Every structure is written in structure tokens, then in C-alpha cells.
Amino acid sequence: MPRLALYTSIVCVLAVAAAVVSFVQGSILPGVVWVLLAGLSSNMAWFYVRRHKAESRAEAAAG
């Protein structure tokens, strides 16, 4: 797994945990912000994984 994908996955997990804590404490708006951040970081991790796979395939085909 590429390093950036790993970092964004960690951010995603931490954002989900923060969202749960916010909702449990009754803070709706910060919870929604954390959920949105979790979605963004999840998409970034997926992008980096797919980009790494595409680059690996291109290198294998070229060499």
C-alpha cells in the first residue's frame, strides 16, 4: 500500500472515531464535519491505491 494511502486511511479511521464521539456528546454540527472529512479521506485513499496499481501495471507492461 502506498504511503499516502496509508496516511489517508489513518485519517479516515480517526475522523470516524471523532464523529462517533461528537454524536455521542450531542454535538451534531462537528459530527457532520467529521463525517465529511472521513468521506474525503476515504476517497483520497482509494484514489492513491488505484493510482499505485495503474503505475505498477504501466511499469510491468513497459519493462
C-alpha atoms as a PDB file:
ATOM      1  CA  MET A   1       0.000   0.000   0.000  1.00  0.00           C
ATOM      2  CA  PRO A   2       1.399   3.422  -0.905  1.00  0.00           C
ATOM      3  CA  ARG A   3       2.389   5.673   1.960  1.00  0.00           C
ATOM      4  CA  LEU A   4      -0.157   8.398   1.147  1.00  0.00           C
ATOM      5  CA  ALA A   5      -2.940   5.826   1.002  1.00  0.00           C
ATOM      6  CA  LEU A   6      -1.922   4.551   4.416  1.00  0.00           C
ATOM      7  CA  TYR A   7      -1.881   8.063   5.875  1.00  0.00           C
ATOM      8  CA  THR A   8      -5.296   8.936   4.454  1.00  0.00           C
ATOM      9  CA  SER A   9      -6.712   5.638   5.740  1.00  0.00           C
ATOM     10  CA  ILE A  10      -5.472   6.510   9.226  1.00  0.00           C
ATOM     11  CA  VAL A  11      -7.060   9.959   8.937  1.00  0.00           C
ATOM     12  CA  CYS A  12     -10.303   8.304   7.855  1.00  0.00           C
ATOM     13  CA  VAL A  13     -10.359   5.998  10.880  1.00  0.00           C
ATOM     14  CA  LEU A  14      -9.577   8.862  13.247  1.00  0.00           C
ATOM     15  CA  ALA A  15     -12.265  11.052  11.657  1.00  0.00           C
ATOM     16  CA  VAL A  16     -14.863   8.312  12.083  1.00  0.00           C
ATOM     17  CA  ALA A  17     -13.872   7.931  15.735  1.00  0.00           C
ATOM     18  CA  ALA A  18     -14.128  11.694  16.226  1.00  0.00           C
ATOM     19  CA  ALA A  19     -17.549  11.711  14.546  1.00  0.00           C
ATOM     20  CA  VAL A  20     -18.808   8.994  16.878  1.00  0.00           C
ATOM     21  CA  VAL A  21     -17.540  10.880  19.916  1.00  0.00           C
ATOM     22  CA  SER A  22     -19.139  14.102  18.673  1.00  0.00           C
ATOM     23  CA  PHE A  23     -22.508  12.469  18.078  1.00  0.00           C
ATOM     24  CA  VAL A  24     -22.424  10.701  21.454  1.00  0.00           C
ATOM     25  CA  GLN A  25     -21.744  14.026  23.170  1.00  0.00           C
ATOM     26  CA  GLY A  26     -24.683  15.564  21.299  1.00  0.00           C
ATOM     27  CA  SER A  27     -22.678  17.839  19.011  1.00  0.00           C
ATOM     28  CA  ILE A  28     -24.378  17.460  15.664  1.00  0.00           C
ATOM     29  CA  LEU A  29     -22.534  20.034  13.548  1.00  0.00           C
ATOM     30  CA  PRO A  30     -18.988  18.937  14.456  1.00  0.00           C
ATOM     31  CA  GLY A  31     -20.089  15.331  13.953  1.00  0.00           C
ATOM     32  CA  VAL A  32     -21.266  16.102  10.437  1.00  0.00           C
ATOM     33  CA  VAL A  33     -17.968  17.848   9.673  1.00  0.00           C
ATOM     34  CA  TRP A  34     -16.048  14.782  10.878  1.00  0.00           C
ATOM     35  CA  VAL A  35     -18.209  12.506   8.716  1.00  0.00           C
ATOM     36  CA  LEU A  36     -17.494  14.676   5.681  1.00  0.00           C
ATOM     37  CA  LEU A  37     -13.767  14.586   6.449  1.00  0.00           C
ATOM     38  CA  ALA A  38     -13.934  10.800   6.765  1.00  0.00           C
ATOM     39  CA  GLY A  39     -15.581  10.571   3.348  1.00  0.00           C
ATOM     40  CA  LEU A  40     -12.996  12.823   1.769  1.00  0.00           C
ATOM     41  CA  SER A  41     -10.053  10.939   3.226  1.00  0.00           C
ATOM     42  CA  SER A  42     -11.609   7.610   2.223  1.00  0.00           C
ATOM     43  CA  ASN A  43     -11.889   8.782  -1.374  1.00  0.00           C
ATOM     44  CA  MET A  44      -8.301  10.037  -1.297  1.00  0.00           C
ATOM     45  CA  ALA A  45      -7.044   6.674  -0.011  1.00  0.00           C
ATOM     46  CA  TRP A  46      -8.962   4.856  -2.751  1.00  0.00           C
ATOM     47  CA  PHE A  47      -7.512   7.209  -5.359  1.00  0.00           C
ATOM     48  CA  TYR A  48      -3.932   6.657  -4.192  1.00  0.00           C
ATOM     49  CA  VAL A  49      -4.351   2.875  -4.171  1.00  0.00           C
ATOM     50  CA  ARG A  50      -5.795   2.882  -7.690  1.00  0.00           C
ATOM     51  CA  ARG A  51      -3.067   5.224  -8.945  1.00  0.00           C
ATOM     52  CA  HIS A  52      -0.384   2.963  -7.470  1.00  0.00           C
ATOM     53  CA  LYS A  53      -1.930  -0.082  -9.162  1.00  0.00           C
ATOM     54  CA  ALA A  54      -2.110   1.715 -12.510  1.00  0.00           C
ATOM     55  CA  GLU A  55       1.526   2.831 -12.244  1.00  0.00           C
ATOM     56  CA  SER A  56       2.592  -0.704 -11.342  1.00  0.00           C
ATOM     57  CA  ARG A  57       0.771  -2.110 -14.373  1.00  0.00           C
ATOM     58  CA  ALA A  58       2.324   0.515 -16.652  1.00  0.00           C
ATOM     59  CA  GLU A  59       5.825  -0.297 -15.375  1.00  0.00           C
ATOM     60  CA  ALA A  60       5.230  -4.027 -15.824  1.00  0.00           C
ATOM     61  CA  ALA A  61       3.996  -3.517 -19.382  1.00  0.00           C
ATOM     62  CA  ALA A  62       6.910  -1.245 -20.276  1.00  0.00           C
ATOM     63  CA  GLY A  63       9.615  -3.352 -18.748  1.00  0.00           C
END
